[in-house]
């Protein structure tokens, strides 16, 4: 079996897109971290989004119990 770890991103346009800067990303539940040679390390903190998700799930659960 062929081990293909590429990601295909569909576009509505058929125009060819050439990528100049490739950024390697590592994502998990709490952060997305990237690296590009000329930029360096990139860190995106996802904890605020995770907090919103937890609060939303609690509220949804409470509404379901009451309804």
N, C-alpha and C. Protein backbone atom coordinates (compact mmCIF):
# COMPACT_ATOMS: atom_id res chain seq x y z
N UNK A 1 0.84 -1.18 0.00
CA UNK A 1 0.00 0.00 0.00
C UNK A 1 0.89 1.25 0.00
N UNK A 2 0.53 2.22 -0.79
CA UNK A 2 1.29 3.46 -0.91
C UNK A 2 0.99 4.38 0.27
N UNK A 3 2.02 4.86 0.94
CA UNK A 3 1.86 5.77 2.08
C UNK A 3 1.90 7.20 1.55
N UNK A 4 0.72 7.79 1.36
CA UNK A 4 0.62 9.14 0.82
C UNK A 4 0.14 10.07 1.91
N UNK A 5 1.03 10.97 2.42
CA UNK A 5 0.63 11.87 3.50
C UNK A 5 0.39 13.29 2.99
N UNK A 6 0.02 13.44 1.75
CA UNK A 6 -0.31 14.76 1.22
C UNK A 6 -1.75 15.10 1.57
N UNK A 7 -2.05 16.40 1.62
CA UNK A 7 -3.41 16.86 1.85
C UNK A 7 -3.90 17.54 0.58
N UNK A 8 -5.04 17.13 0.08
CA UNK A 8 -5.63 17.75 -1.09
C UNK A 8 -6.66 18.77 -0.63
N UNK A 9 -6.50 20.02 -1.05
CA UNK A 9 -7.42 21.08 -0.69
C UNK A 9 -8.18 21.47 -1.96
N UNK A 10 -9.48 21.20 -1.99
CA UNK A 10 -10.25 21.50 -3.21
C UNK A 10 -10.51 23.00 -3.35
N UNK A 11 -10.43 23.48 -4.59
CA UNK A 11 -10.71 24.87 -4.91
C UNK A 11 -11.80 24.91 -5.95
N UNK A 12 -12.61 25.96 -5.93
CA UNK A 12 -13.65 26.11 -6.94
C UNK A 12 -13.08 26.58 -8.27
N UNK A 13 -11.94 27.22 -8.23
CA UNK A 13 -11.31 27.73 -9.43
C UNK A 13 -10.39 26.66 -10.03
N UNK A 14 -10.30 26.64 -11.32
CA UNK A 14 -9.39 25.69 -11.97
C UNK A 14 -8.02 26.33 -12.23
N UNK A 15 -7.84 27.56 -11.76
CA UNK A 15 -6.58 28.27 -11.94
C UNK A 15 -5.48 27.58 -11.13
N UNK A 16 -4.31 27.40 -11.75
CA UNK A 16 -3.18 26.79 -11.04
C UNK A 16 -2.62 27.77 -10.04
N UNK A 17 -2.27 27.25 -8.86
CA UNK A 17 -1.71 28.07 -7.79
C UNK A 17 -0.31 27.57 -7.49
N UNK A 18 0.64 28.47 -7.51
CA UNK A 18 2.02 28.11 -7.19
C UNK A 18 2.35 28.59 -5.78
N UNK A 19 2.81 27.69 -4.97
CA UNK A 19 3.13 28.00 -3.58
C UNK A 19 4.57 28.47 -3.49
N UNK A 20 4.78 29.65 -2.91
CA UNK A 20 6.14 30.19 -2.78
C UNK A 20 6.76 29.83 -1.43
N UNK A 21 5.96 29.92 -0.39
CA UNK A 21 6.46 29.60 0.94
C UNK A 21 5.68 28.42 1.50
N UNK A 22 6.37 27.35 1.78
CA UNK A 22 5.74 26.16 2.34
C UNK A 22 5.95 26.20 3.85
N UNK A 23 4.86 26.06 4.59
CA UNK A 23 4.94 26.04 6.05
C UNK A 23 4.54 24.65 6.52
N UNK A 24 5.40 24.04 7.33
CA UNK A 24 5.08 22.75 7.94
C UNK A 24 4.29 22.98 9.20
N UNK A 25 3.13 22.33 9.34
CA UNK A 25 2.25 22.55 10.49
C UNK A 25 2.12 21.29 11.33
N UNK A 26 2.03 21.49 12.63
CA UNK A 26 1.71 20.43 13.59
C UNK A 26 0.55 20.96 14.42
N UNK A 27 -0.59 20.29 14.36
CA UNK A 27 -1.77 20.77 15.07
C UNK A 27 -2.22 19.74 16.10
N UNK A 28 -2.69 20.26 17.22
CA UNK A 28 -3.32 19.40 18.21
C UNK A 28 -4.48 20.17 18.81
N UNK A 29 -5.03 19.69 19.91
CA UNK A 29 -6.23 20.28 20.48
C UNK A 29 -6.00 21.71 21.00
N UNK A 30 -4.80 22.01 21.49
CA UNK A 30 -4.56 23.29 22.14
C UNK A 30 -3.71 24.27 21.35
N UNK A 31 -3.06 23.83 20.27
CA UNK A 31 -2.23 24.77 19.50
C UNK A 31 -1.98 24.25 18.09
N UNK A 32 -1.63 25.19 17.23
CA UNK A 32 -1.14 24.87 15.90
C UNK A 32 0.23 25.52 15.80
N UNK A 33 1.23 24.73 15.47
CA UNK A 33 2.60 25.22 15.40
C UNK A 33 3.14 24.99 14.00
N UNK A 34 3.78 26.01 13.47
CA UNK A 34 4.32 25.91 12.13
C UNK A 34 5.75 26.39 12.07
N UNK A 35 6.40 26.09 10.96
CA UNK A 35 7.76 26.57 10.74
C UNK A 35 7.96 26.84 9.26
N UNK A 36 8.52 28.01 8.98
CA UNK A 36 8.92 28.37 7.62
C UNK A 36 10.27 29.05 7.75
N UNK A 37 11.19 28.70 6.88
CA UNK A 37 12.59 29.12 7.01
C UNK A 37 12.76 30.63 7.18
N UNK A 38 12.12 31.44 6.34
CA UNK A 38 12.33 32.89 6.41
C UNK A 38 11.52 33.55 7.53
N UNK A 39 10.44 32.92 7.98
CA UNK A 39 9.61 33.47 9.05
C UNK A 39 10.08 32.96 10.41
N UNK A 40 10.40 31.68 10.47
CA UNK A 40 10.77 31.05 11.74
C UNK A 40 9.58 30.27 12.28
N UNK A 41 9.54 30.12 13.60
CA UNK A 41 8.47 29.35 14.22
C UNK A 41 7.21 30.20 14.37
N UNK A 42 6.06 29.56 14.17
CA UNK A 42 4.77 30.21 14.27
C UNK A 42 3.96 29.41 15.28
N UNK A 43 3.39 30.09 16.27
CA UNK A 43 2.58 29.42 17.29
C UNK A 43 1.21 30.07 17.34
N UNK A 44 0.16 29.27 17.17
CA UNK A 44 -1.21 29.75 17.27
C UNK A 44 -1.85 29.05 18.46
N UNK A 45 -2.18 29.82 19.49
CA UNK A 45 -2.77 29.27 20.71
C UNK A 45 -4.26 29.06 20.50
N UNK A 46 -4.72 27.81 20.63
CA UNK A 46 -6.12 27.49 20.42
C UNK A 46 -6.88 27.31 21.73
N UNK A 47 -6.24 27.60 22.87
CA UNK A 47 -6.91 27.43 24.17
C UNK A 47 -8.18 28.27 24.30
N UNK A 48 -8.20 29.53 23.81
CA UNK A 48 -9.47 30.28 23.90
C UNK A 48 -10.61 29.60 23.14
N UNK A 49 -10.31 29.04 21.98
CA UNK A 49 -11.34 28.32 21.22
C UNK A 49 -11.79 27.07 21.94
N UNK A 50 -10.85 26.37 22.58
CA UNK A 50 -11.18 25.16 23.34
C UNK A 50 -12.08 25.52 24.52
N UNK A 51 -11.81 26.65 25.17
CA UNK A 51 -12.65 27.10 26.28
C UNK A 51 -14.07 27.40 25.82
N UNK A 52 -14.20 28.07 24.68
CA UNK A 52 -15.51 28.37 24.12
C UNK A 52 -16.25 27.07 23.81
N UNK A 53 -15.55 26.09 23.27
CA UNK A 53 -16.17 24.80 22.94
C UNK A 53 -16.70 24.11 24.20
N UNK A 54 -15.92 24.12 25.26
CA UNK A 54 -16.33 23.48 26.52
C UNK A 54 -17.56 24.18 27.09
N UNK A 55 -17.54 25.51 27.10
CA UNK A 55 -18.68 26.27 27.62
C UNK A 55 -19.93 25.99 26.78
N UNK A 56 -19.79 25.98 25.46
CA UNK A 56 -20.92 25.71 24.57
C UNK A 56 -21.49 24.31 24.83
N UNK A 57 -20.62 23.32 24.98
CA UNK A 57 -21.08 21.95 25.22
C UNK A 57 -21.83 21.85 26.55
N UNK A 58 -21.36 22.56 27.59
CA UNK A 58 -22.06 22.55 28.89
C UNK A 58 -23.43 23.20 28.76
N UNK A 59 -23.49 24.34 28.07
CA UNK A 59 -24.76 25.03 27.87
C UNK A 59 -25.74 24.16 27.07
N UNK A 60 -25.23 23.52 26.05
CA UNK A 60 -26.07 22.65 25.22
C UNK A 60 -26.60 21.50 26.04
N UNK A 61 -25.77 20.93 26.89
CA UNK A 61 -26.17 19.83 27.76
C UNK A 61 -27.26 20.28 28.74
N UNK A 62 -27.08 21.47 29.32
CA UNK A 62 -28.08 22.00 30.25
C UNK A 62 -29.41 22.23 29.56
N UNK A 63 -29.39 22.76 28.34
CA UNK A 63 -30.63 23.00 27.59
C UNK A 63 -31.32 21.69 27.24
N UNK A 64 -30.54 20.69 26.91
CA UNK A 64 -31.11 19.38 26.56
C UNK A 64 -31.77 18.75 27.78
N UNK A 65 -31.14 18.88 28.95
CA UNK A 65 -31.71 18.33 30.19
C UNK A 65 -33.01 19.03 30.55
N UNK A 66 -33.07 20.35 30.33
CA UNK A 66 -34.25 21.12 30.70
C UNK A 66 -35.38 20.95 29.70
N UNK A 67 -35.03 20.70 28.45
CA UNK A 67 -36.02 20.66 27.37
C UNK A 67 -36.72 19.38 27.30
